[in-house]
PDB file of N, CA and C in Angstrom:
ATOM      1  N   MET A   1      -6.102   8.211   7.040  1.00  0.00           N
ATOM      2  CA  MET A   1      -5.280   8.246   5.850  1.00  0.00           C
ATOM      3  C   MET A   1      -4.071   7.336   5.987  1.00  0.00           C
ATOM      4  N   SER A   2      -3.577   7.133   7.200  1.00  0.00           N
ATOM      5  CA  SER A   2      -2.392   6.296   7.381  1.00  0.00           C
ATOM      6  C   SER A   2      -2.658   4.844   7.003  1.00  0.00           C
ATOM      7  N   ASN A   3      -3.918   4.382   7.054  1.00  0.00           N
ATOM      8  CA  ASN A   3      -4.230   3.024   6.647  1.00  0.00           C
ATOM      9  C   ASN A   3      -3.951   2.807   5.173  1.00  0.00           C
ATOM     10  N   VAL A   4      -4.163   3.811   4.359  1.00  0.00           N
ATOM     11  CA  VAL A   4      -3.889   3.697   2.928  1.00  0.00           C
ATOM     12  C   VAL A   4      -2.399   3.495   2.707  1.00  0.00           C
ATOM     13  N   VAL A   5      -1.567   4.229   3.410  1.00  0.00           N
ATOM     14  CA  VAL A   5      -0.117   4.103   3.288  1.00  0.00           C
ATOM     15  C   VAL A   5       0.321   2.707   3.698  1.00  0.00           C
ATOM     16  N   VAL A   6      -0.229   2.183   4.788  1.00  0.00           N
ATOM     17  CA  VAL A   6       0.120   0.852   5.248  1.00  0.00           C
ATOM     18  C   VAL A   6      -0.259  -0.178   4.196  1.00  0.00           C
ATOM     19  N   LEU A   7      -1.443  -0.055   3.621  1.00  0.00           N
ATOM     20  CA  LEU A   7      -1.874  -0.974   2.580  1.00  0.00           C
ATOM     21  C   LEU A   7      -0.943  -0.896   1.379  1.00  0.00           C
ATOM     22  N   GLU A   8      -0.584   0.324   0.963  1.00  0.00           N
ATOM     23  CA  GLU A   8       0.331   0.475  -0.162  1.00  0.00           C
ATOM     24  C   GLU A   8       1.681  -0.140   0.165  1.00  0.00           C
ATOM     25  N   ASP A   9       2.142   0.028   1.398  1.00  0.00           N
ATOM     26  CA  ASP A   9       3.403  -0.588   1.812  1.00  0.00           C
ATOM     27  C   ASP A   9       3.332  -2.099   1.691  1.00  0.00           C
ATOM     28  N   HIS A  10       2.236  -2.668   2.159  1.00  0.00           N
ATOM     29  CA  HIS A  10       2.053  -4.122   2.122  1.00  0.00           C
ATOM     30  C   HIS A  10       2.058  -4.628   0.676  1.00  0.00           C
ATOM     31  N   VAL A  11       1.334  -3.952  -0.184  1.00  0.00           N
ATOM     32  CA  VAL A  11       1.273  -4.331  -1.596  1.00  0.00           C
ATOM     33  C   VAL A  11       2.641  -4.153  -2.245  1.00  0.00           C
ATOM     34  N   SER A  12       3.297  -3.044  -1.968  1.00  0.00           N
ATOM     35  CA  SER A  12       4.623  -2.790  -2.542  1.00  0.00           C
ATOM     36  C   SER A  12       5.638  -3.826  -2.079  1.00  0.00           C
ATOM     37  N   LYS A  13       5.584  -4.193  -0.809  1.00  0.00           N
ATOM     38  CA  LYS A  13       6.514  -5.200  -0.297  1.00  0.00           C
ATOM     39  C   LYS A  13       6.293  -6.547  -0.971  1.00  0.00           C
ATOM     40  N   ALA A  14       5.045  -6.926  -1.165  1.00  0.00           N
ATOM     41  CA  ALA A  14       4.750  -8.200  -1.828  1.00  0.00           C
ATOM     42  C   ALA A  14       5.224  -8.170  -3.279  1.00  0.00           C
ATOM     43  N   TRP A  15       5.005  -7.070  -3.963  1.00  0.00           N
ATOM     44  CA  TRP A  15       5.437  -6.936  -5.358  1.00  0.00           C
ATOM     45  C   TRP A  15       6.956  -6.985  -5.456  1.00  0.00           C
ATOM     46  N   ASN A  16       7.627  -6.236  -4.590  1.00  0.00           N
ATOM     47  CA  ASN A  16       9.091  -6.212  -4.614  1.00  0.00           C
ATOM     48  C   ASN A  16       9.693  -7.568  -4.248  1.00  0.00           C
ATOM     49  N   ALA A  17       9.050  -8.284  -3.328  1.00  0.00           N
ATOM     50  CA  ALA A  17       9.514  -9.626  -2.977  1.00  0.00           C
ATOM     51  C   ALA A  17       9.410 -10.550  -4.183  1.00  0.00           C
ATOM     52  N   TYR A  18       8.311 -10.450  -4.919  1.00  0.00           N
ATOM     53  CA  TYR A  18       8.150 -11.259  -6.128  1.00  0.00           C
ATOM     54  C   TYR A  18       9.209 -10.902  -7.170  1.00  0.00           C
ATOM     55  N   LEU A  19       9.408  -9.608  -7.411  1.00  0.00           N
ATOM     56  CA  LEU A  19      10.397  -9.194  -8.410  1.00  0.00           C
ATOM     57  C   LEU A  19      11.802  -9.681  -8.051  1.00  0.00           C
ATOM     58  N   SER A  20      12.146  -9.601  -6.778  1.00  0.00           N
ATOM     59  CA  SER A  20      13.464 -10.061  -6.332  1.00  0.00           C
ATOM     60  C   SER A  20      13.603 -11.574  -6.513  1.00  0.00           C
ATOM     61  N   ALA A  21      12.572 -12.300  -6.116  1.00  0.00           N
ATOM     62  CA  ALA A  21      12.613 -13.760  -6.241  1.00  0.00           C
ATOM     63  C   ALA A  21      12.666 -14.180  -7.704  1.00  0.00           C
ATOM     64  N   LYS A  22      11.911 -13.506  -8.555  1.00  0.00           N
ATOM     65  CA  LYS A  22      11.913 -13.832  -9.982  1.00  0.00           C
ATOM     66  C   LYS A  22      13.266 -13.515 -10.605  1.00  0.00           C
ATOM     67  N   SER A  23      13.844 -12.396 -10.223  1.00  0.00           N
ATOM     68  CA  SER A  23      15.152 -12.017 -10.745  1.00  0.00           C
ATOM     69  C   SER A  23      16.209 -13.051 -10.355  1.00  0.00           C
ATOM     70  N   LEU A  24      16.161 -13.498  -9.112  1.00  0.00           N
ATOM     71  CA  LEU A  24      17.102 -14.519  -8.664  1.00  0.00           C
ATOM     72  C   LEU A  24      16.912 -15.810  -9.449  1.00  0.00           C
ATOM     73  N   ALA A  25      15.662 -16.223  -9.616  1.00  0.00           N
ATOM     74  CA  ALA A  25      15.380 -17.450 -10.364  1.00  0.00           C
ATOM     75  C   ALA A  25      15.842 -17.324 -11.816  1.00  0.00           C
ATOM     76  N   ASP A  26      15.622 -16.169 -12.412  1.00  0.00           N
ATOM     77  CA  ASP A  26      16.059 -15.948 -13.789  1.00  0.00           C
ATOM     78  C   ASP A  26      17.578 -16.023 -13.901  1.00  0.00           C
ATOM     79  N   SER A  27      18.274 -15.512 -12.900  1.00  0.00           N
ATOM     80  CA  SER A  27      19.737 -15.470 -12.989  1.00  0.00           C
ATOM     81  C   SER A  27      20.390 -16.805 -12.642  1.00  0.00           C
ATOM     82  N   THR A  28      19.796 -17.562 -11.707  1.00  0.00           N
ATOM     83  CA  THR A  28      20.420 -18.826 -11.312  1.00  0.00           C
ATOM     84  C   THR A  28      19.908 -20.015 -12.115  1.00  0.00           C
ATOM     85  N   GLY A  29      18.655 -19.943 -12.528  1.00  0.00           N
ATOM     86  CA  GLY A  29      18.055 -21.072 -13.230  1.00  0.00           C
ATOM     87  C   GLY A  29      17.794 -22.268 -12.328  1.00  0.00           C
ATOM     88  N   LYS A  30      17.935 -22.083 -11.018  1.00  0.00           N
ATOM     89  CA  LYS A  30      17.709 -23.174 -10.075  1.00  0.00           C
ATOM     90  C   LYS A  30      16.224 -23.373  -9.824  1.00  0.00           C
ATOM     91  N   ILE A  31      15.832 -24.625  -9.778  1.00  0.00           N
ATOM     92  CA  ILE A  31      14.422 -24.934  -9.558  1.00  0.00           C
ATOM     93  C   ILE A  31      13.939 -24.420  -8.199  1.00  0.00           C
ATOM     94  N   GLU A  32      14.810 -24.497  -7.188  1.00  0.00           N
ATOM     95  CA  GLU A  32      14.417 -24.008  -5.862  1.00  0.00           C
ATOM     96  C   GLU A  32      14.085 -22.522  -5.907  1.00  0.00           C
ATOM     97  N   ASP A  33      14.877 -21.775  -6.669  1.00  0.00           N
ATOM     98  CA  ASP A  33      14.626 -20.339  -6.800  1.00  0.00           C
ATOM     99  C   ASP A  33      13.346 -20.076  -7.594  1.00  0.00           C
ATOM    100  N   GLY A  34      13.073 -20.935  -8.563  1.00  0.00           N
ATOM    101  CA  GLY A  34      11.832 -20.820  -9.326  1.00  0.00           C
ATOM    102  C   GLY A  34      10.615 -21.093  -8.462  1.00  0.00           C
ATOM    103  N   ILE A  35      10.733 -22.087  -7.596  1.00  0.00           N
ATOM    104  CA  ILE A  35       9.633 -22.403  -6.672  1.00  0.00           C
ATOM    105  C   ILE A  35       9.390 -21.236  -5.718  1.00  0.00           C
ATOM    106  N   ALA A  36      10.481 -20.667  -5.210  1.00  0.00           N
ATOM    107  CA  ALA A  36      10.352 -19.507  -4.315  1.00  0.00           C
ATOM    108  C   ALA A  36       9.692 -18.343  -5.050  1.00  0.00           C
ATOM    109  N   ALA A  37      10.060 -18.137  -6.304  1.00  0.00           N
ATOM    110  CA  ALA A  37       9.442 -17.063  -7.099  1.00  0.00           C
ATOM    111  C   ALA A  37       7.960 -17.346  -7.312  1.00  0.00           C
ATOM    112  N   GLY A  38       7.616 -18.595  -7.551  1.00  0.00           N
ATOM    113  CA  GLY A  38       6.208 -18.969  -7.715  1.00  0.00           C
ATOM    114  C   GLY A  38       5.400 -18.712  -6.460  1.00  0.00           C
ATOM    115  N   ARG A  39       6.004 -19.022  -5.328  1.00  0.00           N
ATOM    116  CA  ARG A  39       5.318 -18.768  -4.056  1.00  0.00           C
ATOM    117  C   ARG A  39       5.140 -17.270  -3.811  1.00  0.00           C
ATOM    118  N   ALA A  40       6.168 -16.502  -4.138  1.00  0.00           N
ATOM    119  CA  ALA A  40       6.065 -15.043  -3.987  1.00  0.00           C
ATOM    120  C   ALA A  40       4.984 -14.496  -4.919  1.00  0.00           C
ATOM    121  N   HIS A  41       4.886 -15.060  -6.117  1.00  0.00           N
ATOM    122  CA  HIS A  41       3.849 -14.619  -7.065  1.00  0.00           C
ATOM    123  C   HIS A  41       2.463 -14.964  -6.535  1.00  0.00           C
ATOM    124  N   ALA A  42       2.343 -16.147  -5.947  1.00  0.00           N
ATOM    125  CA  ALA A  42       1.054 -16.546  -5.375  1.00  0.00           C
ATOM    126  C   ALA A  42       0.648 -15.603  -4.240  1.00  0.00           C
ATOM    127  N   ARG A  43       1.624 -15.206  -3.405  1.00  0.00           N
ATOM    128  CA  ARG A  43       1.312 -14.249  -2.335  1.00  0.00           C
ATOM    129  C   ARG A  43       0.845 -12.927  -2.925  1.00  0.00           C
ATOM    130  N   TRP A  44       1.489 -12.495  -4.003  1.00  0.00           N
ATOM    131  CA  TRP A  44       1.101 -11.254  -4.689  1.00  0.00           C
ATOM    132  C   TRP A  44      -0.332 -11.372  -5.207  1.00  0.00           C
ATOM    133  N   LEU A  45      -0.624 -12.447  -5.912  1.00  0.00           N
ATOM    134  CA  LEU A  45      -1.976 -12.631  -6.456  1.00  0.00           C
ATOM    135  C   LEU A  45      -3.012 -12.749  -5.342  1.00  0.00           C
ATOM    136  N   GLY A  46      -2.630 -13.376  -4.239  1.00  0.00           N
ATOM    137  CA  GLY A  46      -3.546 -13.563  -3.127  1.00  0.00           C
ATOM    138  C   GLY A  46      -4.054 -12.259  -2.538  1.00  0.00           C
ATOM    139  N   LEU A  47      -3.299 -11.198  -2.720  1.00  0.00           N
ATOM    140  CA  LEU A  47      -3.731  -9.903  -2.215  1.00  0.00           C
ATOM    141  C   LEU A  47      -4.991  -9.400  -2.917  1.00  0.00           C
ATOM    142  N   PHE A  48      -5.260  -9.913  -4.094  1.00  0.00           N
ATOM    143  CA  PHE A  48      -6.353  -9.396  -4.909  1.00  0.00           C
ATOM    144  C   PHE A  48      -7.483 -10.400  -5.124  1.00  0.00           C
ATOM    145  N   MET A  49      -7.400 -11.554  -4.484  1.00  0.00           N
ATOM    146  CA  MET A  49      -8.437 -12.578  -4.627  1.00  0.00           C
ATOM    147  C   MET A  49      -9.595 -12.312  -3.682  1.00  0.00           C
ATOM    148  N   THR A  50     -10.770 -12.679  -4.130  1.00  0.00           N
ATOM    149  CA  THR A  50     -11.930 -12.655  -3.244  1.00  0.00           C
ATOM    150  C   THR A  50     -11.870 -13.914  -2.376  1.00  0.00           C
ATOM    151  N   GLU A  51     -12.660 -13.946  -1.322  1.00  0.00           N
ATOM    152  CA  GLU A  51     -12.711 -15.135  -0.464  1.00  0.00           C
ATOM    153  C   GLU A  51     -13.153 -16.356  -1.258  1.00  0.00           C
ATOM    154  N   ASP A  52     -14.118 -16.188  -2.173  1.00  0.00           N
ATOM    155  CA  ASP A  52     -14.580 -17.302  -3.002  1.00  0.00           C
ATOM    156  C   ASP A  52     -13.448 -17.843  -3.873  1.00  0.00           C
ATOM    157  N   GLN A  53     -12.655 -16.962  -4.440  1.00  0.00           N
ATOM    158  CA  GLN A  53     -11.531 -17.389  -5.265  1.00  0.00           C
ATOM    159  C   GLN A  53     -10.494 -18.136  -4.426  1.00  0.00           C
ATOM    160  N   ARG A  54     -10.197 -17.619  -3.238  1.00  0.00           N
ATOM    161  CA  ARG A  54      -9.234 -18.282  -2.351  1.00  0.00           C
ATOM    162  C   ARG A  54      -9.710 -19.687  -2.004  1.00  0.00           C
ATOM    163  N   GLU A  55     -10.990 -19.806  -1.680  1.00  0.00           N
ATOM    164  CA  GLU A  55     -11.553 -21.100  -1.323  1.00  0.00           C
ATOM    165  C   GLU A  55     -11.494 -22.050  -2.517  1.00  0.00           C
ATOM    166  N   PHE A  56     -11.819 -21.558  -3.691  1.00  0.00           N
ATOM    167  CA  PHE A  56     -11.842 -22.382  -4.901  1.00  0.00           C
ATOM    168  C   PHE A  56     -10.477 -22.985  -5.206  1.00  0.00           C
ATOM    169  N   VAL A  57      -9.422 -22.190  -5.058  1.00  0.00           N
ATOM    170  CA  VAL A  57      -8.079 -22.680  -5.394  1.00  0.00           C
ATOM    171  C   VAL A  57      -7.343 -23.238  -4.186  1.00  0.00           C
ATOM    172  N   GLY A  58      -7.980 -23.215  -3.015  1.00  0.00           N
ATOM    173  CA  GLY A  58      -7.349 -23.747  -1.820  1.00  0.00           C
ATOM    174  C   GLY A  58      -6.235 -22.874  -1.281  1.00  0.00           C
ATOM    175  N   PHE A  59      -6.363 -21.585  -1.502  1.00  0.00           N
ATOM    176  CA  PHE A  59      -5.342 -20.619  -1.080  1.00  0.00           C
ATOM    177  C   PHE A  59      -5.473 -20.363   0.407  1.00  0.00           C
ATOM    178  N   GLU A  60      -4.352 -20.484   1.109  1.00  0.00           N
ATOM    179  CA  GLU A  60      -4.340 -20.153   2.530  1.00  0.00           C
ATOM    180  C   GLU A  60      -3.563 -18.875   2.713  1.00  0.00           C
ATOM    181  N   ARG A  61      -4.182 -17.890   3.263  1.00  0.00           N
ATOM    182  CA  ARG A  61      -3.538 -16.594   3.478  1.00  0.00           C
ATOM    183  C   ARG A  61      -2.575 -16.716   4.654  1.00  0.00           C
ATOM    184  N   ALA A  62      -1.335 -16.325   4.402  1.00  0.00           N
ATOM    185  CA  ALA A  62      -0.352 -16.300   5.480  1.00  0.00           C
ATOM    186  C   ALA A  62      -0.610 -15.100   6.368  1.00  0.00           C
ATOM    187  N   SER A  63      -0.317 -15.247   7.639  1.00  0.00           N
ATOM    188  CA  SER A  63      -0.501 -14.104   8.526  1.00  0.00           C
ATOM    189  C   SER A  63       0.560 -13.059   8.255  1.00  0.00           C
ATOM    190  N   ALA A  64       0.186 -11.813   8.428  1.00  0.00           N
ATOM    191  CA  ALA A  64       1.097 -10.707   8.106  1.00  0.00           C
ATOM    192  C   ALA A  64       2.146 -10.470   9.118  1.00  0.00           C
TER     193      ALA A  64
END
């Protein structure tokens, strides 16, 4: 059962990282912050991609 909690933690951390990065980008309007938010969003989406989808878009999974 603890594996489910770890997975939820991982997903929650990725989601919260995206929300924080997006909020910063929205408030500053800086392109660098927008790029960081885009990368955080890509990491979030990557959690739900199949291997075929990752290969198709050239997604490289970062190590945890």
